C-alpha atoms as a PDB file:
ATOM      1  CA  MET A   1       4.462  16.679  10.242  1.00  0.00           C
ATOM      2  CA  LYS A   2       7.717  15.047  11.915  1.00  0.00           C
ATOM      3  CA  ILE A   3       5.344  15.009  15.079  1.00  0.00           C
ATOM      4  CA  VAL A   4       2.402  12.969  13.540  1.00  0.00           C
ATOM      5  CA  ILE A   5       5.319  11.018  11.892  1.00  0.00           C
ATOM      6  CA  LYS A   6       6.681  10.432  15.614  1.00  0.00           C
ATOM      7  CA  ILE A   7       3.187   9.438  17.780  1.00  0.00           C
ATOM      8  CA  CYS A   8       2.512   6.985  14.844  1.00  0.00           C
ATOM      9  CA  THR A   9       6.011   5.119  15.182  1.00  0.00           C
ATOM     10  CA  LYS A  10       5.235   5.617  19.073  1.00  0.00           C
ATOM     11  CA  ALA A  11       2.545   4.031  18.620  1.00  0.00           C
ATOM     12  CA  LEU A  12       3.798   1.176  16.372  1.00  0.00           C
ATOM     13  CA  GLU A  13       5.916   0.649  18.730  1.00  0.00           C
ATOM     14  CA  ALA A  14       3.547   0.064  21.397  1.00  0.00           C
ATOM     15  CA  PHE A  15       1.464  -2.297  19.328  1.00  0.00           C
ATOM     16  CA  SER A  16       4.516  -4.131  18.492  1.00  0.00           C
ATOM     17  CA  ALA A  17       5.683  -4.551  22.745  1.00  0.00           C
ATOM     18  CA  LEU A  18       1.634  -5.998  23.387  1.00  0.00           C
ATOM     19  CA  ILE A  19       1.712  -8.141  20.288  1.00  0.00           C
ATOM     20  CA  LEU A  20       5.174  -9.284  21.988  1.00  0.00           C
ATOM     21  CA  LEU A  21       4.124  -9.661  25.432  1.00  0.00           C
ATOM     22  CA  THR A  22       1.013 -10.539  24.512  1.00  0.00           C
ATOM     23  CA  LEU A  23       2.482 -14.183  22.740  1.00  0.00           C
ATOM     24  CA  THR A  24       5.119 -13.964  25.137  1.00  0.00           C
ATOM     25  CA  VAL A  25       2.435 -14.516  28.509  1.00  0.00           C
ATOM     26  CA  MET A  26       0.310 -17.215  26.164  1.00  0.00           C
ATOM     27  CA  VAL A  27       3.375 -19.252  25.316  1.00  0.00           C
ATOM     28  CA  PHE A  28       4.087 -19.092  29.757  1.00  0.00           C
ATOM     29  CA  VAL A  29       0.275 -20.316  30.660  1.00  0.00           C
ATOM     30  CA  ASN A  30       0.705 -22.746  27.778  1.00  0.00           C
ATOM     31  CA  VAL A  31       3.623 -24.099  29.033  1.00  0.00           C
ATOM     32  CA  VAL A  32       2.623 -24.032  32.780  1.00  0.00           C
ATOM     33  CA  LEU A  33      -0.818 -25.642  31.711  1.00  0.00           C
ATOM     34  CA  ARG A  34       1.015 -28.491  29.758  1.00  0.00           C
ATOM     35  CA  TYR A  35       3.271 -29.542  32.621  1.00  0.00           C
ATOM     36  CA  VAL A  36       1.666 -28.644  35.538  1.00  0.00           C
ATOM     37  CA  PHE A  37      -2.062 -29.538  34.439  1.00  0.00           C
ATOM     38  CA  ASN A  38      -1.381 -31.543  31.533  1.00  0.00           C
ATOM     39  CA  SER A  39      -3.947 -29.286  29.520  1.00  0.00           C
ATOM     40  CA  SER A  40      -3.503 -26.272  27.643  1.00  0.00           C
ATOM     41  CA  ILE A  41      -5.193 -23.247  26.067  1.00  0.00           C
ATOM     42  CA  THR A  42      -6.295 -24.298  22.268  1.00  0.00           C
ATOM     43  CA  VAL A  43      -6.767 -20.953  21.071  1.00  0.00           C
ATOM     44  CA  THR A  44      -3.805 -19.777  21.688  1.00  0.00           C
ATOM     45  CA  GLU A  45      -2.423 -21.905  18.505  1.00  0.00           C
ATOM     46  CA  GLU A  46      -4.662 -19.921  16.161  1.00  0.00           C
ATOM     47  CA  LEU A  47      -3.710 -16.538  18.244  1.00  0.00           C
ATOM     48  CA  GLY A  48      -0.148 -17.161  18.179  1.00  0.00           C
ATOM     49  CA  ARG A  49       0.073 -17.365  14.288  1.00  0.00           C
ATOM     50  CA  TYR A  50      -2.107 -13.930  13.499  1.00  0.00           C
ATOM     51  CA  PHE A  51       0.284 -12.432  16.482  1.00  0.00           C
ATOM     52  CA  MET A  52       3.228 -13.743  14.770  1.00  0.00           C
ATOM     53  CA  VAL A  53       2.037 -12.201  11.410  1.00  0.00           C
ATOM     54  CA  TRP A  54       1.357  -8.951  12.595  1.00  0.00           C
ATOM     55  CA  LEU A  55       4.278  -8.878  14.900  1.00  0.00           C
ATOM     56  CA  LEU A  56       6.327  -9.163  11.481  1.00  0.00           C
ATOM     57  CA  PHE A  57       4.704  -6.719   9.248  1.00  0.00           C
ATOM     58  CA  ALA A  58       4.235  -4.096  12.355  1.00  0.00           C
ATOM     59  CA  GLY A  59       8.415  -4.546  12.692  1.00  0.00           C
ATOM     60  CA  ALA A  60       9.098  -4.329   8.465  1.00  0.00           C
ATOM     61  CA  ILE A  61       7.159  -0.823   9.027  1.00  0.00           C
ATOM     62  CA  LEU A  62       9.287   0.299  11.505  1.00  0.00           C
ATOM     63  CA  ALA A  63      12.142  -0.662   9.977  1.00  0.00           C
ATOM     64  CA  ALA A  64      10.990   1.493   7.142  1.00  0.00           C
ATOM     65  CA  GLY A  65      10.417   4.285   8.910  1.00  0.00           C
ATOM     66  CA  ILE A  66      14.055   4.414   9.770  1.00  0.00           C
ATOM     67  CA  ASN A  67      15.888   3.528   6.410  1.00  0.00           C
ATOM     68  CA  SER A  68      17.218  -0.057   8.395  1.00  0.00           C
ATOM     69  CA  HIS A  69      15.597  -2.375   6.007  1.00  0.00           C
ATOM     70  CA  VAL A  70      17.266  -5.088   4.476  1.00  0.00           C
ATOM     71  CA  ARG A  71      19.414  -4.299   1.438  1.00  0.00           C
ATOM     72  CA  VAL A  72      23.015  -4.389   0.078  1.00  0.00           C
ATOM     73  CA  ASP A  73      24.810  -2.315   0.115  1.00  0.00           C
ATOM     74  CA  LEU A  74      28.236  -3.121  -0.063  1.00  0.00           C
ATOM     75  CA  PHE A  75      28.464  -1.173  -3.551  1.00  0.00           C
ATOM     76  CA  LEU A  76      26.650   1.629  -2.595  1.00  0.00           C
ATOM     77  CA  ARG A  77      29.588   2.449  -0.224  1.00  0.00           C
ATOM     78  CA  LYS A  78      31.965   2.496  -3.271  1.00  0.00           C
ATOM     79  CA  VAL A  79      30.090   4.754  -5.695  1.00  0.00           C
ATOM     80  CA  PRO A  80      30.006   8.327  -5.685  1.00  0.00           C
ATOM     81  CA  ALA A  81      27.415  10.570  -3.812  1.00  0.00           C
ATOM     82  CA  LEU A  82      25.856  11.346  -7.728  1.00  0.00           C
ATOM     83  CA  PRO A  83      25.072   8.083  -8.996  1.00  0.00           C
ATOM     84  CA  ARG A  84      24.513   6.697  -5.205  1.00  0.00           C
ATOM     85  CA  ALA A  85      21.366   8.687  -5.536  1.00  0.00           C
ATOM     86  CA  TRP A  86      20.093   7.586  -8.613  1.00  0.00           C
ATOM     87  CA  VAL A  87      20.100   3.990  -7.835  1.00  0.00           C
ATOM     88  CA  GLU A  88      18.839   4.946  -4.385  1.00  0.00           C
ATOM     89  CA  ILE A  89      15.921   6.145  -6.077  1.00  0.00           C
ATOM     90  CA  VAL A  90      15.448   3.742  -8.654  1.00  0.00           C
ATOM     91  CA  SER A  91      15.446   1.315  -5.272  1.00  0.00           C
ATOM     92  CA  ASP A  92      12.709   3.104  -3.808  1.00  0.00           C
ATOM     93  CA  ILE A  93      10.539   2.866  -7.145  1.00  0.00           C
ATOM     94  CA  VAL A  94      11.605  -0.840  -7.417  1.00  0.00           C
ATOM     95  CA  MET A  95      10.341  -1.463  -3.566  1.00  0.00           C
ATOM     96  CA  ILE A  96       7.215   0.861  -3.990  1.00  0.00           C
ATOM     97  CA  TYR A  97       6.239  -1.637  -7.078  1.00  0.00           C
ATOM     98  CA  CYS A  98       6.871  -4.314  -4.603  1.00  0.00           C
ATOM     99  CA  CYS A  99       4.646  -2.325  -2.389  1.00  0.00           C
ATOM    100  CA  TRP A 100       1.735  -2.178  -5.048  1.00  0.00           C
ATOM    101  CA  LEU A 101       1.932  -6.028  -5.164  1.00  0.00           C
ATOM    102  CA  ILE A 102       1.992  -6.745  -1.757  1.00  0.00           C
ATOM    103  CA  VAL A 103      -1.086  -4.597  -1.633  1.00  0.00           C
ATOM    104  CA  VAL A 104      -2.831  -5.962  -4.238  1.00  0.00           C
ATOM    105  CA  GLY A 105      -2.085  -9.075  -3.209  1.00  0.00           C
ATOM    106  CA  GLY A 106      -3.397  -8.993   0.461  1.00  0.00           C
ATOM    107  CA  LEU A 107      -6.544  -7.899  -0.608  1.00  0.00           C
ATOM    108  CA  ASP A 108      -7.006 -10.446  -3.028  1.00  0.00           C
ATOM    109  CA  GLN A 109      -6.845 -12.793  -0.081  1.00  0.00           C
ATOM    110  CA  THR A 110      -8.412 -10.643   2.087  1.00  0.00           C
ATOM    111  CA  VAL A 111     -11.444 -10.662  -0.279  1.00  0.00           C
ATOM    112  CA  LEU A 112     -10.715 -14.497  -0.717  1.00  0.00           C
ATOM    113  CA  ASN A 113     -11.004 -15.643   3.030  1.00  0.00           C
ATOM    114  CA  VAL A 114     -13.886 -12.999   4.257  1.00  0.00           C
ATOM    115  CA  ASN A 115     -15.824 -16.190   5.056  1.00  0.00           C
ATOM    116  CA  ASN A 116     -13.403 -18.692   6.066  1.00  0.00           C
ATOM    117  CA  ILE A 117     -13.657 -18.452   9.848  1.00  0.00           C
ATOM    118  CA  LEU A 118     -10.870 -20.348  11.636  1.00  0.00           C
ATOM    119  CA  PRO A 119     -12.368 -23.312  13.658  1.00  0.00           C
ATOM    120  CA  VAL A 120     -11.342 -22.876  17.580  1.00  0.00           C
ATOM    121  CA  SER A 121     -11.315 -18.908  17.825  1.00  0.00           C
ATOM    122  CA  GLN A 122     -13.721 -18.511  15.364  1.00  0.00           C
ATOM    123  CA  LEU A 123     -12.043 -15.590  13.653  1.00  0.00           C
ATOM    124  CA  PRO A 124     -12.088 -14.494   9.750  1.00  0.00           C
ATOM    125  CA  GLU A 125      -8.984 -15.741   8.130  1.00  0.00           C
ATOM    126  CA  SER A 126      -9.052 -12.673   6.622  1.00  0.00           C
ATOM    127  CA  TRP A 127      -7.841 -11.253   9.888  1.00  0.00           C
ATOM    128  CA  VAL A 128      -4.455 -12.287   9.050  1.00  0.00           C
ATOM    129  CA  TYR A 129      -4.356 -10.772   5.024  1.00  0.00           C
ATOM    130  CA  VAL A 130      -5.202  -7.012   6.384  1.00  0.00           C
ATOM    131  CA  SER A 131      -1.623  -6.958   8.029  1.00  0.00           C
ATOM    132  CA  CYS A 132      -0.190  -7.634   4.268  1.00  0.00           C
ATOM    133  CA  PHE A 133      -2.172  -5.014   2.802  1.00  0.00           C
ATOM    134  CA  ALA A 134      -1.674  -2.361   5.938  1.00  0.00           C
ATOM    135  CA  ALA A 135       2.029  -2.983   5.831  1.00  0.00           C
ATOM    136  CA  GLY A 136       2.318  -2.360   2.124  1.00  0.00           C
ATOM    137  CA  VAL A 137      -0.496   0.817   2.196  1.00  0.00           C
ATOM    138  CA  LEU A 138       1.728   2.357   5.088  1.00  0.00           C
ATOM    139  CA  ILE A 139       5.812   1.176   3.807  1.00  0.00           C
ATOM    140  CA  GLY A 140       4.627   2.237   0.391  1.00  0.00           C
ATOM    141  CA  LEU A 141       3.920   5.591   1.890  1.00  0.00           C
ATOM    142  CA  ILE A 142       6.837   5.769   3.467  1.00  0.00           C
ATOM    143  CA  LEU A 143       8.896   4.936   0.173  1.00  0.00           C
ATOM    144  CA  LEU A 144       7.012   7.988  -1.687  1.00  0.00           C
ATOM    145  CA  VAL A 145       8.096   9.535   1.148  1.00  0.00           C
ATOM    146  CA  ARG A 146      11.368   8.817   0.665  1.00  0.00           C
ATOM    147  CA  LEU A 147      11.316   9.386  -2.752  1.00  0.00           C
ATOM    148  CA  MET A 148      10.246  12.245  -3.288  1.00  0.00           C
ATOM    149  CA  SER A 149      12.705  13.773  -0.781  1.00  0.00           C
ATOM    150  CA  ARG A 150      15.134  12.285  -2.874  1.00  0.00           C
ATOM    151  CA  LEU A 151      14.460  13.756  -6.015  1.00  0.00           C
ATOM    152  CA  LEU A 152      14.065  17.667  -3.960  1.00  0.00           C
ATOM    153  CA  SER A 153      17.264  17.005  -2.284  1.00  0.00           C
ATOM    154  CA  LEU A 154      18.836  16.003  -6.363  1.00  0.00           C
ATOM    155  CA  ALA A 155      16.915  19.277  -7.524  1.00  0.00           C
ATOM    156  CA  HIS A 156      18.015  20.911  -5.050  1.00  0.00           C
ATOM    157  CA  PRO A 157      20.987  19.965  -3.538  1.00  0.00           C
ATOM    158  CA  SER A 158      21.534  23.610  -1.003  1.00  0.00           C
ATOM    159  CA  VAL A 159      18.104  22.553   0.758  1.00  0.00           C
ATOM    160  CA  GLU A 160      20.065  19.160   2.195  1.00  0.00           C
ATOM    161  CA  LYS A 161      23.040  20.531   2.696  1.00  0.00           C
ATOM    162  CA  ALA A 162      21.322  23.749   5.376  1.00  0.00           C
ATOM    163  CA  GLU A 163      19.237  21.074   6.650  1.00  0.00           C
ATOM    164  CA  GLY A 164      21.970  18.486   7.615  1.00  0.00           C
END
């Protein structure tokens, strides 16, 4: 299981790097074209928007995978271990619900915008909303695995100590 997670993480990192490289090249080429040749590639505006959204959600998935998402843990650091575990479990449940909302909203927007075509690139507008759906599903799965792990560690505290 760990090797599958590692392969998926590396693939997502490579995907993010490819998007970032593509964005950088597109911006560089457009700047050169504007200032040297007084023209530009118009499709880069639309593609740049799409790539930024996909990059954002890919980063969110990666951050969720290593548990480095944004949260305020000032309170949690002062709480003893057992109540902290329960607060983290409740936090995971709330975040799973938020993922569910993102999945449903992303799916609804994808369906609503499947026939909307962007004027320059001729790409369906729904492609940007598929990223919401994909991120919601993947982050939700990560959170479900983490939640199960936390629940198992509460049920069998000796397992966590033996692994750690």
